[in-house]
Amino acid sequence: MPNHFVTTINASEPRSLNEELNQIVAEAQEVAIAQGHSGILVTQHSYTSYTVSLSDAVPDGQTKEHRHWHADA
């Protein structure tokens, strides 16, 4: 079954970024539980940009963080 949950977050203020990131991860957890076969990957692209997605590379029930910085960040 394909993973259909991918959300990008861009924020200028750390507090709003934290709140938004926590909310999106909670939504991803609900989808992951319903699908039952993938974990959650949180990728940081810069200080203010993240992507939250379901990933078969992350074990079911786990959340992993990864940094993938752009060259200009």
C-alpha atoms as a PDB file:
ATOM      1  CA  MET A   1       0.000   0.000   0.000  1.00  0.00           C
ATOM      2  CA  PRO A   2       1.492   3.382  -0.962  1.00  0.00           C
ATOM      3  CA  ASN A   3       2.219   6.034   1.639  1.00  0.00           C
ATOM      4  CA  HIS A   4       0.138   9.128   0.932  1.00  0.00           C
ATOM      5  CA  PHE A   5       1.106  11.396   3.793  1.00  0.00           C
ATOM      6  CA  VAL A   6       3.666  14.108   3.029  1.00  0.00           C
ATOM      7  CA  THR A   7       3.522  17.593   4.519  1.00  0.00           C
ATOM      8  CA  THR A   8       6.055  20.411   4.299  1.00  0.00           C
ATOM      9  CA  ILE A   9       6.288  23.004   7.066  1.00  0.00           C
ATOM     10  CA  ASN A  10       7.865  26.434   6.649  1.00  0.00           C
ATOM     11  CA  ALA A  11       7.792  28.839   9.575  1.00  0.00           C
ATOM     12  CA  SER A  12       9.664  31.966  10.575  1.00  0.00           C
ATOM     13  CA  GLU A  13       9.166  31.723  14.346  1.00  0.00           C
ATOM     14  CA  PRO A  14      10.486  28.800  16.449  1.00  0.00           C
ATOM     15  CA  ARG A  15       7.384  28.609  18.647  1.00  0.00           C
ATOM     16  CA  SER A  16       4.961  28.352  15.728  1.00  0.00           C
ATOM     17  CA  LEU A  17       7.288  25.883  14.006  1.00  0.00           C
ATOM     18  CA  ASN A  18       7.312  23.637  17.089  1.00  0.00           C
ATOM     19  CA  GLU A  19       3.537  23.741  17.453  1.00  0.00           C
ATOM     20  CA  GLU A  20       2.951  23.091  13.765  1.00  0.00           C
ATOM     21  CA  LEU A  21       5.520  20.289  13.662  1.00  0.00           C
ATOM     22  CA  ASN A  22       3.955  18.578  16.685  1.00  0.00           C
ATOM     23  CA  GLN A  23       0.483  18.816  15.121  1.00  0.00           C
ATOM     24  CA  ILE A  24       1.620  17.391  11.768  1.00  0.00           C
ATOM     25  CA  VAL A  25       3.505  14.527  13.448  1.00  0.00           C
ATOM     26  CA  ALA A  26       0.358  13.698  15.456  1.00  0.00           C
ATOM     27  CA  GLU A  27      -1.666  13.602  12.210  1.00  0.00           C
ATOM     28  CA  ALA A  28       0.990  11.396  10.586  1.00  0.00           C
ATOM     29  CA  GLN A  29       0.844   9.030  13.577  1.00  0.00           C
ATOM     30  CA  GLU A  30      -2.901   8.586  13.079  1.00  0.00           C
ATOM     31  CA  VAL A  31      -2.411   7.748   9.401  1.00  0.00           C
ATOM     32  CA  ALA A  32       0.511   5.413  10.159  1.00  0.00           C
ATOM     33  CA  ILE A  33      -1.539   3.546  12.779  1.00  0.00           C
ATOM     34  CA  ALA A  34      -4.429   3.161  10.334  1.00  0.00           C
ATOM     35  CA  GLN A  35      -2.109   1.833   7.606  1.00  0.00           C
ATOM     36  CA  GLY A  36      -0.134  -0.298  10.039  1.00  0.00           C
ATOM     37  CA  HIS A  37       3.035  -0.748   8.021  1.00  0.00           C
ATOM     38  CA  SER A  38       5.201   2.362   8.112  1.00  0.00           C
ATOM     39  CA  GLY A  39       6.838   4.789  10.467  1.00  0.00           C
ATOM     40  CA  ILE A  40       7.260   8.548  10.320  1.00  0.00           C
ATOM     41  CA  LEU A  41      10.231  10.374   8.862  1.00  0.00           C
ATOM     42  CA  VAL A  42      10.799  14.008   9.866  1.00  0.00           C
ATOM     43  CA  THR A  43      13.340  15.645   7.545  1.00  0.00           C
ATOM     44  CA  GLN A  44      14.873  19.001   8.396  1.00  0.00           C
ATOM     45  CA  HIS A  45      15.836  20.997   5.294  1.00  0.00           C
ATOM     46  CA  SER A  46      16.834  24.228   7.078  1.00  0.00           C
ATOM     47  CA  TYR A  47      16.232  25.955  10.408  1.00  0.00           C
ATOM     48  CA  THR A  48      12.679  26.776   9.323  1.00  0.00           C
ATOM     49  CA  SER A  49      11.742  24.036   6.833  1.00  0.00           C
ATOM     50  CA  TYR A  50      10.739  20.443   7.563  1.00  0.00           C
ATOM     51  CA  THR A  51       8.972  17.617   5.746  1.00  0.00           C
ATOM     52  CA  VAL A  52       6.925  15.015   7.618  1.00  0.00           C
ATOM     53  CA  SER A  53       6.149  11.826   5.724  1.00  0.00           C
ATOM     54  CA  LEU A  54       5.302   8.167   6.170  1.00  0.00           C
ATOM     55  CA  SER A  55       8.204   5.914   5.269  1.00  0.00           C
ATOM     56  CA  ASP A  56       8.585   2.168   4.809  1.00  0.00           C
ATOM     57  CA  ALA A  57      12.268   2.708   5.716  1.00  0.00           C
ATOM     58  CA  VAL A  58      11.197   3.602   9.266  1.00  0.00           C
ATOM     59  CA  PRO A  59       9.874   0.685  11.345  1.00  0.00           C
ATOM     60  CA  ASP A  60       6.171   0.682  12.137  1.00  0.00           C
ATOM     61  CA  GLY A  61       5.442   2.656  15.302  1.00  0.00           C
ATOM     62  CA  GLN A  62       8.660   4.690  15.212  1.00  0.00           C
ATOM     63  CA  THR A  63       9.509   8.277  14.307  1.00  0.00           C
ATOM     64  CA  LYS A  64      12.969   9.081  12.914  1.00  0.00           C
ATOM     65  CA  GLU A  65      14.567  12.467  12.337  1.00  0.00           C
ATOM     66  CA  HIS A  66      16.882  13.219   9.436  1.00  0.00           C
ATOM     67  CA  ARG A  67      18.761  16.340   8.345  1.00  0.00           C
ATOM     68  CA  HIS A  68      18.982  17.075   4.645  1.00  0.00           C
ATOM     69  CA  TRP A  69      20.241  20.644   4.423  1.00  0.00           C
ATOM     70  CA  HIS A  70      20.095  22.536   1.151  1.00  0.00           C
ATOM     71  CA  ALA A  71      23.442  23.894  -0.043  1.00  0.00           C
ATOM     72  CA  ASP A  72      22.258  27.495   0.427  1.00  0.00           C
ATOM     73  CA  ALA A  73      20.889  26.960   3.960  1.00  0.00           C
END
